[in-house]
């Protein structure tokens, strides 16, 4: 995951995994829809915002609706730069 996330996001995910301990996490994606909301430039970075609406089931539990905006970034001055996950924002479900 380190390869596809910014250092800040990797640290957050690592902390969540440590808190979970040895508990096995099984996530089944039942349905997913992704829409590109916008692409902007912030200094040397291009930032893309993608909204995901999905239905998930974790550990054979209840079906859960998820509505999130994922922000990805790439350094436009570096030809070797790849898109990295830079943030996830939860959208309130109505």
PDB file of N, CA and C in Angstrom:
ATOM      1  N   UNK A   1       0.818  -1.193   0.000  1.00  0.00           N
ATOM      2  CA  UNK A   1       0.000   0.000   0.000  1.00  0.00           C
ATOM      3  C   UNK A   1       0.864   1.260   0.000  1.00  0.00           C
ATOM      4  N   UNK A   2       2.061   1.141   0.538  1.00  0.00           N
ATOM      5  CA  UNK A   2       2.948   2.303   0.615  1.00  0.00           C
ATOM      6  C   UNK A   2       3.195   2.884  -0.778  1.00  0.00           C
ATOM      7  N   UNK A   3       3.227   2.014  -1.782  1.00  0.00           N
ATOM      8  CA  UNK A   3       3.533   2.440  -3.145  1.00  0.00           C
ATOM      9  C   UNK A   3       2.430   3.309  -3.749  1.00  0.00           C
ATOM     10  N   UNK A   4       1.195   3.182  -3.249  1.00  0.00           N
ATOM     11  CA  UNK A   4       0.052   3.866  -3.848  1.00  0.00           C
ATOM     12  C   UNK A   4      -0.588   4.919  -2.958  1.00  0.00           C
ATOM     13  N   UNK A   5       0.063   5.262  -1.857  1.00  0.00           N
ATOM     14  CA  UNK A   5      -0.475   6.259  -0.937  1.00  0.00           C
ATOM     15  C   UNK A   5       0.595   7.290  -0.589  1.00  0.00           C
ATOM     16  N   UNK A   6       0.145   8.481  -0.209  1.00  0.00           N
ATOM     17  CA  UNK A   6       1.082   9.468   0.309  1.00  0.00           C
ATOM     18  C   UNK A   6       1.562   8.982   1.678  1.00  0.00           C
ATOM     19  N   UNK A   7       2.690   9.488   2.168  1.00  0.00           N
ATOM     20  CA  UNK A   7       3.173   9.057   3.484  1.00  0.00           C
ATOM     21  C   UNK A   7       2.145   9.267   4.598  1.00  0.00           C
ATOM     22  N   UNK A   8       1.378  10.342   4.538  1.00  0.00           N
ATOM     23  CA  UNK A   8       0.380  10.628   5.570  1.00  0.00           C
ATOM     24  C   UNK A   8      -0.741   9.589   5.563  1.00  0.00           C
ATOM     25  N   UNK A   9      -1.221   9.248   4.382  1.00  0.00           N
ATOM     26  CA  UNK A   9      -2.295   8.253   4.290  1.00  0.00           C
ATOM     27  C   UNK A   9      -1.771   6.880   4.682  1.00  0.00           C
ATOM     28  N   UNK A  10      -0.559   6.553   4.274  1.00  0.00           N
ATOM     29  CA  UNK A  10       0.008   5.263   4.662  1.00  0.00           C
ATOM     30  C   UNK A  10       0.128   5.162   6.181  1.00  0.00           C
ATOM     31  N   UNK A  11       0.543   6.238   6.835  1.00  0.00           N
ATOM     32  CA  UNK A  11       0.658   6.226   8.299  1.00  0.00           C
ATOM     33  C   UNK A  11      -0.702   6.006   8.946  1.00  0.00           C
ATOM     34  N   UNK A  12      -1.742   6.640   8.428  1.00  0.00           N
ATOM     35  CA  UNK A  12      -3.093   6.483   8.981  1.00  0.00           C
ATOM     36  C   UNK A  12      -3.599   5.052   8.794  1.00  0.00           C
ATOM     37  N   UNK A  13      -3.417   4.509   7.609  1.00  0.00           N
ATOM     38  CA  UNK A  13      -3.858   3.136   7.350  1.00  0.00           C
ATOM     39  C   UNK A  13      -3.085   2.146   8.219  1.00  0.00           C
ATOM     40  N   UNK A  14      -1.787   2.362   8.351  1.00  0.00           N
ATOM     41  CA  UNK A  14      -0.960   1.481   9.189  1.00  0.00           C
ATOM     42  C   UNK A  14      -1.429   1.505  10.636  1.00  0.00           C
ATOM     43  N   UNK A  15      -1.764   2.693  11.137  1.00  0.00           N
ATOM     44  CA  UNK A  15      -2.241   2.818  12.514  1.00  0.00           C
ATOM     45  C   UNK A  15      -3.563   2.062  12.688  1.00  0.00           C
ATOM     46  N   UNK A  16      -4.460   2.183  11.727  1.00  0.00           N
ATOM     47  CA  UNK A  16      -5.742   1.482  11.807  1.00  0.00           C
ATOM     48  C   UNK A  16      -5.532  -0.033  11.786  1.00  0.00           C
ATOM     49  N   UNK A  17      -4.589  -0.501  10.983  1.00  0.00           N
ATOM     50  CA  UNK A  17      -4.314  -1.929  10.926  1.00  0.00           C
ATOM     51  C   UNK A  17      -3.694  -2.429  12.231  1.00  0.00           C
ATOM     52  N   UNK A  18      -2.843  -1.621  12.849  1.00  0.00           N
ATOM     53  CA  UNK A  18      -2.255  -1.999  14.131  1.00  0.00           C
ATOM     54  C   UNK A  18      -3.318  -2.072  15.217  1.00  0.00           C
ATOM     55  N   UNK A  19      -4.269  -1.127  15.192  1.00  0.00           N
ATOM     56  CA  UNK A  19      -5.354  -1.128  16.173  1.00  0.00           C
ATOM     57  C   UNK A  19      -6.225  -2.373  16.019  1.00  0.00           C
ATOM     58  N   UNK A  20      -6.376  -2.835  14.798  1.00  0.00           N
ATOM     59  CA  UNK A  20      -7.187  -4.012  14.533  1.00  0.00           C
ATOM     60  C   UNK A  20      -6.483  -5.285  15.004  1.00  0.00           C
ATOM     61  N   UNK A  21      -5.155  -5.240  15.072  1.00  0.00           N
ATOM     62  CA  UNK A  21      -4.402  -6.405  15.525  1.00  0.00           C
ATOM     63  C   UNK A  21      -4.455  -7.530  14.516  1.00  0.00           C
ATOM     64  N   UNK A  22      -4.557  -8.762  15.025  1.00  0.00           N
ATOM     65  CA  UNK A  22      -4.563  -9.943  14.158  1.00  0.00           C
ATOM     66  C   UNK A  22      -5.950 -10.296  13.638  1.00  0.00           C
ATOM     67  N   UNK A  23      -6.931  -9.457  13.903  1.00  0.00           N
ATOM     68  CA  UNK A  23      -8.291  -9.713  13.434  1.00  0.00           C
ATOM     69  C   UNK A  23      -8.320  -9.705  11.907  1.00  0.00           C
ATOM     70  N   UNK A  24      -8.860 -10.740  11.330  1.00  0.00           N
ATOM     71  CA  UNK A  24      -8.950 -10.844   9.877  1.00  0.00           C
ATOM     72  C   UNK A  24     -10.057  -9.927   9.378  1.00  0.00           C
ATOM     73  N   UNK A  25      -9.770  -9.176   8.328  1.00  0.00           N
ATOM     74  CA  UNK A  25     -10.748  -8.270   7.719  1.00  0.00           C
ATOM     75  C   UNK A  25     -11.098  -8.825   6.346  1.00  0.00           C
ATOM     76  N   UNK A  26     -12.368  -9.149   6.137  1.00  0.00           N
ATOM     77  CA  UNK A  26     -12.831  -9.650   4.853  1.00  0.00           C
ATOM     78  C   UNK A  26     -13.895  -8.690   4.348  1.00  0.00           C
ATOM     79  N   UNK A  27     -13.603  -8.010   3.235  1.00  0.00           N
ATOM     80  CA  UNK A  27     -14.546  -7.051   2.667  1.00  0.00           C
ATOM     81  C   UNK A  27     -14.999  -7.533   1.300  1.00  0.00           C
ATOM     82  N   UNK A  28     -16.298  -7.659   1.147  1.00  0.00           N
ATOM     83  CA  UNK A  28     -16.902  -8.058  -0.119  1.00  0.00           C
ATOM     84  C   UNK A  28     -17.542  -6.814  -0.741  1.00  0.00           C
ATOM     85  N   UNK A  29     -17.103  -6.447  -1.944  1.00  0.00           N
ATOM     86  CA  UNK A  29     -17.668  -5.304  -2.660  1.00  0.00           C
ATOM     87  C   UNK A  29     -18.817  -5.829  -3.509  1.00  0.00           C
ATOM     88  N   UNK A  30     -20.032  -5.415  -3.169  1.00  0.00           N
ATOM     89  CA  UNK A  30     -21.218  -5.900  -3.864  1.00  0.00           C
ATOM     90  C   UNK A  30     -21.564  -5.041  -5.075  1.00  0.00           C
ATOM     91  N   UNK A  31     -21.293  -3.751  -4.975  1.00  0.00           N
ATOM     92  CA  UNK A  31     -21.627  -2.817  -6.037  1.00  0.00           C
ATOM     93  C   UNK A  31     -20.748  -1.588  -5.853  1.00  0.00           C
ATOM     94  N   UNK A  32     -20.271  -1.027  -6.957  1.00  0.00           N
ATOM     95  CA  UNK A  32     -19.469   0.193  -6.852  1.00  0.00           C
ATOM     96  C   UNK A  32     -19.697   1.061  -8.079  1.00  0.00           C
ATOM     97  N   UNK A  33     -19.793   2.358  -7.838  1.00  0.00           N
ATOM     98  CA  UNK A  33     -19.934   3.351  -8.891  1.00  0.00           C
ATOM     99  C   UNK A  33     -18.922   4.447  -8.592  1.00  0.00           C
ATOM    100  N   UNK A  34     -18.121   4.823  -9.574  1.00  0.00           N
ATOM    101  CA  UNK A  34     -17.121   5.869  -9.389  1.00  0.00           C
ATOM    102  C   UNK A  34     -17.343   6.964 -10.422  1.00  0.00           C
ATOM    103  N   UNK A  35     -17.269   8.218  -9.947  1.00  0.00           N
ATOM    104  CA  UNK A  35     -17.429   9.373 -10.838  1.00  0.00           C
ATOM    105  C   UNK A  35     -16.305  10.362 -10.573  1.00  0.00           C
ATOM    106  N   UNK A  36     -15.631  10.783 -11.631  1.00  0.00           N
ATOM    107  CA  UNK A  36     -14.611  11.816 -11.508  1.00  0.00           C
ATOM    108  C   UNK A  36     -15.314  13.147 -11.306  1.00  0.00           C
ATOM    109  N   UNK A  37     -15.050  13.797 -10.166  1.00  0.00           N
ATOM    110  CA  UNK A  37     -15.700  15.064  -9.857  1.00  0.00           C
ATOM    111  C   UNK A  37     -14.948  16.248 -10.441  1.00  0.00           C
ATOM    112  N   UNK A  38     -13.616  16.234 -10.273  1.00  0.00           N
ATOM    113  CA  UNK A  38     -12.821  17.338 -10.799  1.00  0.00           C
ATOM    114  C   UNK A  38     -11.337  16.979 -10.783  1.00  0.00           C
ATOM    115  N   UNK A  39     -10.597  17.706 -11.593  1.00  0.00           N
ATOM    116  CA  UNK A  39      -9.140  17.651 -11.577  1.00  0.00           C
ATOM    117  C   UNK A  39      -8.674  19.095 -11.488  1.00  0.00           C
ATOM    118  N   UNK A  40      -7.793  19.374 -10.535  1.00  0.00           N
ATOM    119  CA  UNK A  40      -7.293  20.732 -10.361  1.00  0.00           C
ATOM    120  C   UNK A  40      -5.780  20.703 -10.214  1.00  0.00           C
ATOM    121  N   UNK A  41      -5.203  21.858 -10.281  1.00  0.00           N
ATOM    122  CA  UNK A  41      -3.757  21.975 -10.099  1.00  0.00           C
ATOM    123  C   UNK A  41      -3.505  22.741  -8.812  1.00  0.00           C
ATOM    124  N   UNK A  42      -2.628  22.165  -7.984  1.00  0.00           N
ATOM    125  CA  UNK A  42      -2.229  22.800  -6.730  1.00  0.00           C
ATOM    126  C   UNK A  42      -0.710  22.813  -6.697  1.00  0.00           C
ATOM    127  N   UNK A  43      -0.126  23.928  -7.120  1.00  0.00           N
ATOM    128  CA  UNK A  43       1.330  24.026  -7.192  1.00  0.00           C
ATOM    129  C   UNK A  43       1.864  23.046  -8.219  1.00  0.00           C
ATOM    130  N   UNK A  44       2.758  22.167  -7.800  1.00  0.00           N
ATOM    131  CA  UNK A  44       3.360  21.172  -8.692  1.00  0.00           C
ATOM    132  C   UNK A  44       2.518  19.909  -8.818  1.00  0.00           C
ATOM    133  N   UNK A  45       1.331  19.903  -8.244  1.00  0.00           N
ATOM    134  CA  UNK A  45       0.521  18.677  -8.219  1.00  0.00           C
ATOM    135  C   UNK A  45      -0.783  18.843  -8.980  1.00  0.00           C
ATOM    136  N   UNK A  46      -1.168  17.769  -9.670  1.00  0.00           N
ATOM    137  CA  UNK A  46      -2.521  17.639 -10.195  1.00  0.00           C
ATOM    138  C   UNK A  46      -3.276  16.826  -9.156  1.00  0.00           C
ATOM    139  N   UNK A  47      -4.480  17.263  -8.822  1.00  0.00           N
ATOM    140  CA  UNK A  47      -5.298  16.587  -7.815  1.00  0.00           C
ATOM    141  C   UNK A  47      -6.629  16.215  -8.454  1.00  0.00           C
ATOM    142  N   UNK A  48      -6.967  14.933  -8.360  1.00  0.00           N
ATOM    143  CA  UNK A  48      -8.233  14.435  -8.893  1.00  0.00           C
ATOM    144  C   UNK A  48      -9.115  13.993  -7.735  1.00  0.00           C
ATOM    145  N   UNK A  49     -10.386  14.363  -7.801  1.00  0.00           N
ATOM    146  CA  UNK A  49     -11.360  13.948  -6.786  1.00  0.00           C
ATOM    147  C   UNK A  49     -12.346  12.984  -7.437  1.00  0.00           C
ATOM    148  N   UNK A  50     -12.466  11.796  -6.845  1.00  0.00           N
ATOM    149  CA  UNK A  50     -13.334  10.744  -7.379  1.00  0.00           C
ATOM    150  C   UNK A  50     -14.333  10.356  -6.293  1.00  0.00           C
ATOM    151  N   UNK A  51     -15.613  10.380  -6.644  1.00  0.00           N
ATOM    152  CA  UNK A  51     -16.651   9.998  -5.680  1.00  0.00           C
ATOM    153  C   UNK A  51     -17.042   8.544  -5.906  1.00  0.00           C
ATOM    154  N   UNK A  52     -16.975   7.773  -4.826  1.00  0.00           N
ATOM    155  CA  UNK A  52     -17.335   6.357  -4.860  1.00  0.00           C
ATOM    156  C   UNK A  52     -18.617   6.139  -4.061  1.00  0.00           C
ATOM    157  N   UNK A  53     -19.593   5.532  -4.692  1.00  0.00           N
ATOM    158  CA  UNK A  53     -20.779   5.029  -4.013  1.00  0.00           C
ATOM    159  C   UNK A  53     -20.701   3.515  -4.116  1.00  0.00           C
ATOM    160  N   UNK A  54     -20.802   2.846  -2.987  1.00  0.00           N
ATOM    161  CA  UNK A  54     -20.632   1.392  -3.001  1.00  0.00           C
ATOM    162  C   UNK A  54     -21.510   0.733  -1.952  1.00  0.00           C
ATOM    163  N   UNK A  55     -21.702  -0.559  -2.152  1.00  0.00           N
ATOM    164  CA  UNK A  55     -22.312  -1.413  -1.138  1.00  0.00           C
ATOM    165  C   UNK A  55     -21.273  -2.461  -0.779  1.00  0.00           C
ATOM    166  N   UNK A  56     -20.981  -2.557   0.520  1.00  0.00           N
ATOM    167  CA  UNK A  56     -19.970  -3.480   1.022  1.00  0.00           C
ATOM    168  C   UNK A  56     -20.557  -4.357   2.105  1.00  0.00           C
ATOM    169  N   UNK A  57     -19.907  -5.483   2.293  1.00  0.00           N
ATOM    170  CA  UNK A  57     -20.229  -6.343   3.422  1.00  0.00           C
ATOM    171  C   UNK A  57     -18.887  -6.741   4.026  1.00  0.00           C
ATOM    172  N   UNK A  58     -18.718  -6.449   5.313  1.00  0.00           N
ATOM    173  CA  UNK A  58     -17.478  -6.782   5.999  1.00  0.00           C
ATOM    174  C   UNK A  58     -17.696  -7.953   6.933  1.00  0.00           C
ATOM    175  N   UNK A  59     -16.814  -8.922   6.825  1.00  0.00           N
ATOM    176  CA  UNK A  59     -16.844 -10.104   7.695  1.00  0.00           C
ATOM    177  C   UNK A  59     -18.220 -10.766   7.736  1.00  0.00           C
ATOM    178  N   UNK A  60     -18.858 -10.882   6.552  1.00  0.00           N
ATOM    179  CA  UNK A  60     -20.174 -11.529   6.413  1.00  0.00           C
ATOM    180  C   UNK A  60     -21.271 -10.852   7.226  1.00  0.00           C
ATOM    181  N   UNK A  61     -21.091  -9.559   7.510  1.00  0.00           N
ATOM    182  CA  UNK A  61     -22.086  -8.813   8.285  1.00  0.00           C
ATOM    183  C   UNK A  61     -23.157  -8.209   7.392  1.00  0.00           C
ATOM    184  N   UNK A  62     -23.774  -7.178   7.904  1.00  0.00           N
ATOM    185  CA  UNK A  62     -24.834  -6.483   7.186  1.00  0.00           C
ATOM    186  C   UNK A  62     -24.262  -5.714   5.997  1.00  0.00           C
ATOM    187  N   UNK A  63     -25.090  -5.508   4.974  1.00  0.00           N
ATOM    188  CA  UNK A  63     -24.689  -4.700   3.825  1.00  0.00           C
ATOM    189  C   UNK A  63     -24.608  -3.247   4.269  1.00  0.00           C
ATOM    190  N   UNK A  64     -23.531  -2.599   3.878  1.00  0.00           N
ATOM    191  CA  UNK A  64     -23.260  -1.220   4.288  1.00  0.00           C
ATOM    192  C   UNK A  64     -23.129  -0.351   3.038  1.00  0.00           C
ATOM    193  N   UNK A  65     -23.808   0.797   3.037  1.00  0.00           N
ATOM    194  CA  UNK A  65     -23.663   1.765   1.954  1.00  0.00           C
ATOM    195  C   UNK A  65     -22.510   2.698   2.280  1.00  0.00           C
ATOM    196  N   UNK A  66     -21.654   2.939   1.295  1.00  0.00           N
ATOM    197  CA  UNK A  66     -20.491   3.794   1.471  1.00  0.00           C
ATOM    198  C   UNK A  66     -20.546   4.893   0.423  1.00  0.00           C
ATOM    199  N   UNK A  67     -20.295   6.113   0.854  1.00  0.00           N
ATOM    200  CA  UNK A  67     -20.251   7.267  -0.040  1.00  0.00           C
ATOM    201  C   UNK A  67     -19.011   8.055   0.352  1.00  0.00           C
ATOM    202  N   UNK A  68     -17.977   8.007  -0.491  1.00  0.00           N
ATOM    203  CA  UNK A  68     -16.693   8.623  -0.158  1.00  0.00           C
ATOM    204  C   UNK A  68     -16.147   9.375  -1.362  1.00  0.00           C
ATOM    205  N   UNK A  69     -15.362  10.394  -1.072  1.00  0.00           N
ATOM    206  CA  UNK A  69     -14.601  11.088  -2.100  1.00  0.00           C
ATOM    207  C   UNK A  69     -13.130  10.805  -1.838  1.00  0.00           C
ATOM    208  N   UNK A  70     -12.481  10.229  -2.829  1.00  0.00           N
ATOM    209  CA  UNK A  70     -11.053   9.933  -2.744  1.00  0.00           C
ATOM    210  C   UNK A  70     -10.304  11.003  -3.518  1.00  0.00           C
ATOM    211  N   UNK A  71      -9.284  11.571  -2.884  1.00  0.00           N
ATOM    212  CA  UNK A  71      -8.439  12.561  -3.526  1.00  0.00           C
ATOM    213  C   UNK A  71      -7.102  11.909  -3.865  1.00  0.00           C
ATOM    214  N   UNK A  72      -6.739  12.015  -5.135  1.00  0.00           N
ATOM    215  CA  UNK A  72      -5.491  11.439  -5.621  1.00  0.00           C
ATOM    216  C   UNK A  72      -4.627  12.569  -6.163  1.00  0.00           C
ATOM    217  N   UNK A  73      -3.314  12.402  -6.062  1.00  0.00           N
ATOM    218  CA  UNK A  73      -2.428  13.447  -6.543  1.00  0.00           C
ATOM    219  C   UNK A  73      -1.229  12.859  -7.279  1.00  0.00           C
ATOM    220  N   UNK A  74      -0.691  13.665  -8.197  1.00  0.00           N
ATOM    221  CA  UNK A  74       0.538  13.305  -8.884  1.00  0.00           C
ATOM    222  C   UNK A  74       1.355  14.568  -9.102  1.00  0.00           C
ATOM    223  N   UNK A  75       2.660  14.434  -9.053  1.00  0.00           N
ATOM    224  CA  UNK A  75       3.560  15.563  -9.277  1.00  0.00           C
ATOM    225  C   UNK A  75       3.709  15.744 -10.782  1.00  0.00           C
ATOM    226  N   UNK A  76       3.205  16.849 -11.306  1.00  0.00           N
ATOM    227  CA  UNK A  76       3.223  17.066 -12.751  1.00  0.00           C
ATOM    228  C   UNK A  76       4.600  17.463 -13.265  1.00  0.00           C
ATOM    229  N   UNK A  77       5.513  17.789 -12.387  1.00  0.00           N
ATOM    230  CA  UNK A  77       6.879  18.139 -12.803  1.00  0.00           C
ATOM    231  C   UNK A  77       7.801  16.917 -12.849  1.00  0.00           C
ATOM    232  N   UNK A  78       7.302  15.770 -12.399  1.00  0.00           N
ATOM    233  CA  UNK A  78       8.093  14.542 -12.351  1.00  0.00           C
ATOM    234  C   UNK A  78       7.464  13.517 -13.294  1.00  0.00           C
ATOM    235  N   UNK A  79       8.127  13.231 -14.400  1.00  0.00           N
ATOM    236  CA  UNK A  79       7.582  12.285 -15.386  1.00  0.00           C
ATOM    237  C   UNK A  79       7.426  10.869 -14.833  1.00  0.00           C
ATOM    238  N   UNK A  80       8.103  10.550 -13.744  1.00  0.00           N
ATOM    239  CA  UNK A  80       8.027   9.218 -13.142  1.00  0.00           C
ATOM    240  C   UNK A  80       6.967   9.135 -12.036  1.00  0.00           C
ATOM    241  N   UNK A  81       6.356  10.266 -11.708  1.00  0.00           N
ATOM    242  CA  UNK A  81       5.368  10.308 -10.629  1.00  0.00           C
ATOM    243  C   UNK A  81       4.105   9.545 -11.018  1.00  0.00           C
ATOM    244  N   UNK A  82       3.564   8.791 -10.056  1.00  0.00           N
ATOM    245  CA  UNK A  82       2.303   8.081 -10.272  1.00  0.00           C
ATOM    246  C   UNK A  82       1.224   8.738  -9.413  1.00  0.00           C
ATOM    247  N   UNK A  83      -0.019   8.378  -9.658  1.00  0.00           N
ATOM    248  CA  UNK A  83      -1.122   8.890  -8.854  1.00  0.00           C
ATOM    249  C   UNK A  83      -1.113   8.197  -7.500  1.00  0.00           C
ATOM    250  N   UNK A  84      -1.185   8.989  -6.433  1.00  0.00           N
ATOM    251  CA  UNK A  84      -1.178   8.471  -5.062  1.00  0.00           C
ATOM    252  C   UNK A  84      -2.453   8.885  -4.347  1.00  0.00           C
ATOM    253  N   UNK A  85      -2.972   8.001  -3.514  1.00  0.00           N
ATOM    254  CA  UNK A  85      -4.114   8.333  -2.670  1.00  0.00           C
ATOM    255  C   UNK A  85      -3.648   9.329  -1.610  1.00  0.00           C
ATOM    256  N   UNK A  86      -4.273  10.503  -1.595  1.00  0.00           N
ATOM    257  CA  UNK A  86      -3.852  11.575  -0.691  1.00  0.00           C
ATOM    258  C   UNK A  86      -4.888  11.878   0.386  1.00  0.00           C
ATOM    259  N   UNK A  87      -6.102  11.351   0.260  1.00  0.00           N
ATOM    260  CA  UNK A  87      -7.117  11.612   1.270  1.00  0.00           C
ATOM    261  C   UNK A  87      -8.432  10.932   0.920  1.00  0.00           C
ATOM    262  N   UNK A  88      -9.208  10.645   1.957  1.00  0.00           N
ATOM    263  CA  UNK A  88     -10.540  10.074   1.786  1.00  0.00           C
ATOM    264  C   UNK A  88     -11.490  10.881   2.647  1.00  0.00           C
ATOM    265  N   UNK A  89     -12.541  11.353   2.044  1.00  0.00           N
ATOM    266  CA  UNK A  89     -13.560  12.142   2.745  1.00  0.00           C
ATOM    267  C   UNK A  89     -14.872  11.379   2.750  1.00  0.00           C
ATOM    268  N   UNK A  90     -15.432  11.176   3.932  1.00  0.00           N
ATOM    269  CA  UNK A  90     -16.733  10.527   4.056  1.00  0.00           C
ATOM    270  C   UNK A  90     -17.820  11.542   3.703  1.00  0.00           C
ATOM    271  N   UNK A  91     -18.778  11.108   2.896  1.00  0.00           N
ATOM    272  CA  UNK A  91     -19.925  11.964   2.536  1.00  0.00           C
ATOM    273  C   UNK A  91     -21.091  11.461   3.373  1.00  0.00           C
ATOM    274  N   UNK A  92     -21.811  12.376   3.978  1.00  0.00           N
ATOM    275  CA  UNK A  92     -22.956  11.978   4.821  1.00  0.00           C
ATOM    276  C   UNK A  92     -24.052  11.385   3.962  1.00  0.00           C
ATOM    277  N   UNK A  93     -24.503  10.194   4.332  1.00  0.00           N
ATOM    278  CA  UNK A  93     -25.607   9.550   3.634  1.00  0.00           C
ATOM    279  C   UNK A  93     -26.919  10.091   4.186  1.00  0.00           C
ATOM    280  N   UNK A  94     -27.837  10.346   3.302  1.00  0.00           N
ATOM    281  CA  UNK A  94     -29.153  10.840   3.714  1.00  0.00           C
ATOM    282  C   UNK A  94     -30.097   9.696   3.930  1.00  0.00           C
TER     283      UNK A  94
END
